[in-house]
Amino acid sequence: MATIYHNPRCTTSRKALDKLHDAGVEPTVVKYLDVGWTRDQLVALFAEAGVTPAQAARKREPLYKELGLADASDDEILDAMVAHPVLVERPFVVTDKGARLARPLESIDEIL
């Protein structure tokens, strides 16, 4: 079983999905921009992936700068991510072996 938190417009996200398919994995695809996140969901995902909210933030997103998140606390970043799902870096992949932010793409090899 696997889940990919996916943005179909993102090249890296598409490549991660292809990598899963090439490995014979048919993941559940969650289009997180459509369904959003809960705070608990993000806290658990980041803990399992071994990243902080700041590490999981999409810093190139203009909204990141607009909201002044560079100097924000983890709690403030999480609140912003729940309000604005686009602020979460992508893609995250979860399998029964763990979770990874697929940047670099090869990091998901550890959980396949």
N, C-alpha and C. Protein backbone atom coordinates (compact mmCIF):
# COMPACT_ATOMS: atom_id res chain seq x y z
N MET A 1 0.83 -1.18 0.00
CA MET A 1 0.00 0.00 0.00
C MET A 1 0.87 1.25 0.00
N ALA A 2 0.43 2.25 -0.71
CA ALA A 2 1.15 3.51 -0.78
C ALA A 2 0.16 4.64 -1.04
N THR A 3 0.55 5.82 -0.58
CA THR A 3 -0.22 7.03 -0.84
C THR A 3 0.75 8.10 -1.30
N ILE A 4 0.35 8.83 -2.30
CA ILE A 4 1.13 9.98 -2.74
C ILE A 4 0.25 11.22 -2.62
N TYR A 5 0.78 12.23 -1.94
CA TYR A 5 0.11 13.53 -1.86
C TYR A 5 0.63 14.31 -3.05
N HIS A 6 -0.23 14.48 -4.01
CA HIS A 6 0.15 14.77 -5.38
C HIS A 6 -0.44 16.07 -5.90
N ASN A 7 0.38 16.76 -6.69
CA ASN A 7 -0.09 17.91 -7.47
C ASN A 7 0.22 17.56 -8.93
N PRO A 8 -0.80 17.24 -9.72
CA PRO A 8 -0.56 16.81 -11.10
C PRO A 8 0.13 17.84 -11.97
N ARG A 9 0.14 19.11 -11.56
CA ARG A 9 0.82 20.14 -12.36
C ARG A 9 2.32 20.22 -12.05
N CYS A 10 2.76 19.50 -11.03
CA CYS A 10 4.16 19.55 -10.60
C CYS A 10 4.96 18.44 -11.27
N THR A 11 6.04 18.80 -11.94
CA THR A 11 6.88 17.82 -12.63
C THR A 11 7.44 16.78 -11.66
N THR A 12 7.94 17.22 -10.52
CA THR A 12 8.51 16.27 -9.55
C THR A 12 7.44 15.33 -9.03
N SER A 13 6.26 15.84 -8.80
CA SER A 13 5.16 15.00 -8.33
C SER A 13 4.78 13.95 -9.39
N ARG A 14 4.74 14.37 -10.64
CA ARG A 14 4.44 13.41 -11.72
C ARG A 14 5.53 12.35 -11.82
N LYS A 15 6.79 12.78 -11.68
CA LYS A 15 7.90 11.82 -11.75
C LYS A 15 7.84 10.84 -10.58
N ALA A 16 7.45 11.31 -9.41
CA ALA A 16 7.32 10.41 -8.25
C ALA A 16 6.23 9.39 -8.49
N LEU A 17 5.12 9.83 -9.06
CA LEU A 17 4.03 8.91 -9.37
C LEU A 17 4.49 7.88 -10.40
N ASP A 18 5.22 8.32 -11.41
CA ASP A 18 5.77 7.39 -12.41
C ASP A 18 6.73 6.39 -11.76
N LYS A 19 7.55 6.87 -10.84
CA LYS A 19 8.50 6.00 -10.14
C LYS A 19 7.76 4.91 -9.35
N LEU A 20 6.69 5.29 -8.71
CA LEU A 20 5.89 4.31 -7.98
C LEU A 20 5.30 3.27 -8.94
N HIS A 21 4.75 3.75 -10.05
CA HIS A 21 4.18 2.83 -11.05
C HIS A 21 5.27 1.90 -11.60
N ASP A 22 6.45 2.46 -11.89
CA ASP A 22 7.55 1.64 -12.41
C ASP A 22 7.99 0.57 -11.41
N ALA A 23 7.78 0.85 -10.12
CA ALA A 23 8.12 -0.13 -9.08
C ALA A 23 6.99 -1.12 -8.84
N GLY A 24 5.92 -1.02 -9.64
CA GLY A 24 4.80 -1.93 -9.51
C GLY A 24 3.82 -1.55 -8.41
N VAL A 25 3.90 -0.31 -7.96
CA VAL A 25 3.04 0.18 -6.89
C VAL A 25 1.92 1.02 -7.49
N GLU A 26 0.69 0.71 -7.12
CA GLU A 26 -0.46 1.51 -7.54
C GLU A 26 -0.94 2.28 -6.32
N PRO A 27 -0.46 3.50 -6.14
CA PRO A 27 -0.76 4.24 -4.91
C PRO A 27 -2.15 4.87 -4.92
N THR A 28 -2.60 5.17 -3.73
CA THR A 28 -3.74 6.05 -3.58
C THR A 28 -3.22 7.45 -3.87
N VAL A 29 -3.89 8.17 -4.75
CA VAL A 29 -3.45 9.51 -5.13
C VAL A 29 -4.36 10.52 -4.43
N VAL A 30 -3.75 11.34 -3.59
CA VAL A 30 -4.49 12.38 -2.88
C VAL A 30 -4.08 13.73 -3.47
N LYS A 31 -5.02 14.38 -4.11
CA LYS A 31 -4.76 15.71 -4.66
C LYS A 31 -5.00 16.72 -3.54
N TYR A 32 -3.94 16.94 -2.77
CA TYR A 32 -4.06 17.71 -1.54
C TYR A 32 -4.48 19.16 -1.76
N LEU A 33 -4.26 19.69 -2.94
CA LEU A 33 -4.72 21.06 -3.20
C LEU A 33 -6.24 21.11 -3.25
N ASP A 34 -6.86 19.98 -3.61
CA ASP A 34 -8.32 19.90 -3.67
C ASP A 34 -8.94 19.58 -2.32
N VAL A 35 -8.29 18.67 -1.56
CA VAL A 35 -8.90 18.20 -0.31
C VAL A 35 -8.37 18.92 0.92
N GLY A 36 -7.21 19.55 0.81
CA GLY A 36 -6.64 20.26 1.93
C GLY A 36 -6.00 19.34 2.96
N TRP A 37 -5.60 19.94 4.06
CA TRP A 37 -4.91 19.23 5.15
C TRP A 37 -5.57 19.59 6.47
N THR A 38 -5.42 18.69 7.43
CA THR A 38 -5.71 19.05 8.81
C THR A 38 -4.37 19.24 9.50
N ARG A 39 -4.38 19.97 10.59
CA ARG A 39 -3.15 20.18 11.35
C ARG A 39 -2.59 18.84 11.84
N ASP A 40 -3.47 17.98 12.39
CA ASP A 40 -3.01 16.68 12.89
C ASP A 40 -2.39 15.84 11.78
N GLN A 41 -2.98 15.89 10.62
CA GLN A 41 -2.47 15.15 9.46
C GLN A 41 -1.05 15.62 9.12
N LEU A 42 -0.84 16.91 9.08
CA LEU A 42 0.49 17.45 8.75
C LEU A 42 1.51 17.12 9.83
N VAL A 43 1.12 17.27 11.09
CA VAL A 43 2.04 16.96 12.19
C VAL A 43 2.49 15.50 12.10
N ALA A 44 1.55 14.59 11.88
CA ALA A 44 1.89 13.16 11.79
C ALA A 44 2.74 12.87 10.56
N LEU A 45 2.39 13.45 9.42
CA LEU A 45 3.12 13.22 8.18
C LEU A 45 4.56 13.72 8.30
N PHE A 46 4.74 14.92 8.82
CA PHE A 46 6.07 15.48 8.94
C PHE A 46 6.92 14.68 9.94
N ALA A 47 6.30 14.24 11.03
CA ALA A 47 7.03 13.43 12.01
C ALA A 47 7.49 12.13 11.38
N GLU A 48 6.62 11.48 10.64
CA GLU A 48 6.97 10.21 10.01
C GLU A 48 8.05 10.40 8.94
N ALA A 49 8.00 11.52 8.24
CA ALA A 49 8.98 11.79 7.19
C ALA A 49 10.28 12.37 7.75
N GLY A 50 10.27 12.75 9.02
CA GLY A 50 11.47 13.30 9.62
C GLY A 50 11.80 14.71 9.17
N VAL A 51 10.77 15.51 8.92
CA VAL A 51 10.99 16.90 8.51
C VAL A 51 10.20 17.83 9.43
N THR A 52 10.65 19.04 9.52
CA THR A 52 9.94 20.06 10.29
C THR A 52 8.98 20.80 9.36
N PRO A 53 8.03 21.52 9.92
CA PRO A 53 7.17 22.33 9.06
C PRO A 53 7.97 23.30 8.19
N ALA A 54 9.01 23.88 8.73
CA ALA A 54 9.83 24.81 7.94
C ALA A 54 10.50 24.09 6.78
N GLN A 55 10.95 22.86 6.99
CA GLN A 55 11.58 22.09 5.91
C GLN A 55 10.57 21.65 4.87
N ALA A 56 9.33 21.49 5.28
CA ALA A 56 8.28 21.02 4.37
C ALA A 56 7.53 22.16 3.69
N ALA A 57 7.92 23.38 3.99
CA ALA A 57 7.25 24.54 3.40
C ALA A 57 7.79 24.80 1.99
N ARG A 58 6.88 25.16 1.13
CA ARG A 58 7.23 25.49 -0.25
C ARG A 58 7.67 26.95 -0.29
N LYS A 59 8.96 27.15 -0.14
CA LYS A 59 9.52 28.49 0.01
C LYS A 59 9.48 29.31 -1.28
N ARG A 60 9.38 28.65 -2.41
CA ARG A 60 9.32 29.37 -3.69
C ARG A 60 7.92 29.87 -4.00
N GLU A 61 6.96 29.45 -3.20
CA GLU A 61 5.58 29.90 -3.39
C GLU A 61 5.48 31.37 -2.97
N PRO A 62 4.98 32.25 -3.84
CA PRO A 62 4.89 33.67 -3.48
C PRO A 62 4.16 33.93 -2.16
N LEU A 63 3.17 33.12 -1.85
CA LEU A 63 2.41 33.28 -0.61
C LEU A 63 3.30 33.11 0.62
N TYR A 64 4.34 32.28 0.52
CA TYR A 64 5.28 32.07 1.62
C TYR A 64 5.89 33.41 2.03
N LYS A 65 6.33 34.18 1.05
CA LYS A 65 6.92 35.50 1.33
C LYS A 65 5.86 36.49 1.78
N GLU A 66 4.72 36.46 1.11
CA GLU A 66 3.64 37.39 1.46
C GLU A 66 3.22 37.26 2.92
N LEU A 67 3.21 36.02 3.42
CA LEU A 67 2.78 35.76 4.80
C LEU A 67 3.92 35.92 5.80
N GLY A 68 5.13 36.18 5.31
CA GLY A 68 6.28 36.36 6.20
C GLY A 68 6.68 35.11 6.95
N LEU A 69 6.59 33.97 6.27
CA LEU A 69 6.83 32.69 6.96
C LEU A 69 8.31 32.37 7.19
N ALA A 70 9.21 33.10 6.59
CA ALA A 70 10.63 32.83 6.79
C ALA A 70 11.03 32.97 8.26
N ASP A 71 10.35 33.83 8.99
CA ASP A 71 10.66 34.05 10.40
C ASP A 71 9.56 33.50 11.31
N ALA A 72 8.69 32.67 10.77
CA ALA A 72 7.55 32.15 11.54
C ALA A 72 7.94 30.93 12.36
N SER A 73 7.18 30.69 13.41
CA SER A 73 7.35 29.48 14.22
C SER A 73 6.74 28.29 13.49
N ASP A 74 7.06 27.08 13.96
CA ASP A 74 6.45 25.89 13.38
C ASP A 74 4.93 25.94 13.47
N ASP A 75 4.41 26.41 14.59
CA ASP A 75 2.96 26.51 14.75
C ASP A 75 2.35 27.47 13.73
N GLU A 76 3.00 28.58 13.50
CA GLU A 76 2.50 29.55 12.52
C GLU A 76 2.57 28.97 11.11
N ILE A 77 3.63 28.24 10.82
CA ILE A 77 3.75 27.62 9.49
C ILE A 77 2.67 26.57 9.30
N LEU A 78 2.43 25.75 10.32
CA LEU A 78 1.37 24.74 10.23
C LEU A 78 0.01 25.39 10.00
N ASP A 79 -0.28 26.45 10.73
CA ASP A 79 -1.55 27.15 10.55
C ASP A 79 -1.68 27.67 9.12
N ALA A 80 -0.60 28.22 8.58
CA ALA A 80 -0.62 28.72 7.21
C ALA A 80 -0.83 27.58 6.21
N MET A 81 -0.20 26.43 6.46
CA MET A 81 -0.34 25.28 5.56
C MET A 81 -1.76 24.74 5.55
N VAL A 82 -2.41 24.74 6.71
CA VAL A 82 -3.80 24.28 6.77
C VAL A 82 -4.70 25.26 6.00
N ALA A 83 -4.44 26.54 6.17
CA ALA A 83 -5.23 27.56 5.48
C ALA A 83 -4.93 27.63 3.98
N HIS A 84 -3.69 27.30 3.63
CA HIS A 84 -3.23 27.42 2.23
C HIS A 84 -2.42 26.17 1.86
N PRO A 85 -3.08 25.09 1.44
CA PRO A 85 -2.38 23.83 1.14
C PRO A 85 -1.23 23.96 0.15
N VAL A 86 -1.25 24.97 -0.69
CA VAL A 86 -0.20 25.17 -1.67
C VAL A 86 1.16 25.39 -1.00
N LEU A 87 1.17 25.74 0.27
CA LEU A 87 2.42 26.00 0.98
C LEU A 87 3.18 24.74 1.36
N VAL A 88 2.55 23.58 1.20
CA VAL A 88 3.22 22.31 1.53
C VAL A 88 4.01 21.85 0.32
N GLU A 89 5.30 21.59 0.54
CA GLU A 89 6.16 21.08 -0.53
C GLU A 89 5.62 19.74 -1.00
N ARG A 90 5.91 19.41 -2.22
CA ARG A 90 5.38 18.17 -2.79
C ARG A 90 6.44 17.43 -3.57
N PRO A 91 6.19 16.17 -3.77
CA PRO A 91 5.14 15.32 -3.21
C PRO A 91 5.63 14.60 -1.95
N PHE A 92 4.71 14.24 -1.10
CA PHE A 92 4.99 13.33 0.00
C PHE A 92 4.48 11.96 -0.42
N VAL A 93 5.27 10.93 -0.11
CA VAL A 93 4.88 9.55 -0.39
C VAL A 93 4.91 8.79 0.93
N VAL A 94 3.86 8.00 1.17
CA VAL A 94 3.76 7.20 2.38
C VAL A 94 3.54 5.75 1.97
N THR A 95 4.34 4.84 2.55
CA THR A 95 4.14 3.41 2.38
C THR A 95 4.14 2.78 3.76
N ASP A 96 3.98 1.47 3.82
CA ASP A 96 4.04 0.80 5.12
C ASP A 96 5.45 0.83 5.69
N LYS A 97 6.43 1.27 4.92
CA LYS A 97 7.81 1.39 5.39
C LYS A 97 8.17 2.80 5.86
N GLY A 98 7.23 3.74 5.74
CA GLY A 98 7.50 5.09 6.20
C GLY A 98 6.99 6.14 5.25
N ALA A 99 7.42 7.36 5.48
CA ALA A 99 7.02 8.51 4.66
C ALA A 99 8.25 9.30 4.27
N ARG A 100 8.19 9.89 3.09
CA ARG A 100 9.30 10.72 2.61
C ARG A 100 8.75 11.88 1.78
N LEU A 101 9.44 13.00 1.91
CA LEU A 101 9.25 14.09 0.97
C LEU A 101 10.14 13.72 -0.21
N ALA A 102 9.55 13.58 -1.37
CA ALA A 102 10.28 13.07 -2.55
C ALA A 102 11.12 14.16 -3.21
N ARG A 103 11.94 14.79 -2.43
CA ARG A 103 12.91 15.78 -2.91
C ARG A 103 14.21 15.52 -2.17
N PRO A 104 15.17 14.90 -2.75
CA PRO A 104 15.21 14.46 -4.14
C PRO A 104 14.31 13.24 -4.35
N LEU A 105 13.98 13.02 -5.58
CA LEU A 105 13.09 11.94 -5.96
C LEU A 105 13.55 10.58 -5.45
N GLU A 106 14.84 10.38 -5.41
CA GLU A 106 15.41 9.09 -4.98
C GLU A 106 15.13 8.77 -3.52
N SER A 107 14.72 9.76 -2.75
CA SER A 107 14.46 9.50 -1.34
C SER A 107 13.31 8.51 -1.13
N ILE A 108 12.43 8.37 -2.11
CA ILE A 108 11.34 7.40 -1.93
C ILE A 108 11.81 5.96 -2.11
N ASP A 109 13.01 5.77 -2.67
CA ASP A 109 13.55 4.41 -2.78
C ASP A 109 13.65 3.76 -1.40
N GLU A 110 13.90 4.56 -0.38
CA GLU A 110 14.05 4.05 0.99
C GLU A 110 12.78 3.41 1.52
N ILE A 111 11.64 3.76 0.97
CA ILE A 111 10.37 3.26 1.51
C ILE A 111 9.61 2.37 0.52
N LEU A 112 10.26 2.03 -0.58
CA LEU A 112 9.61 1.13 -1.55
C LEU A 112 9.91 -0.31 -1.22
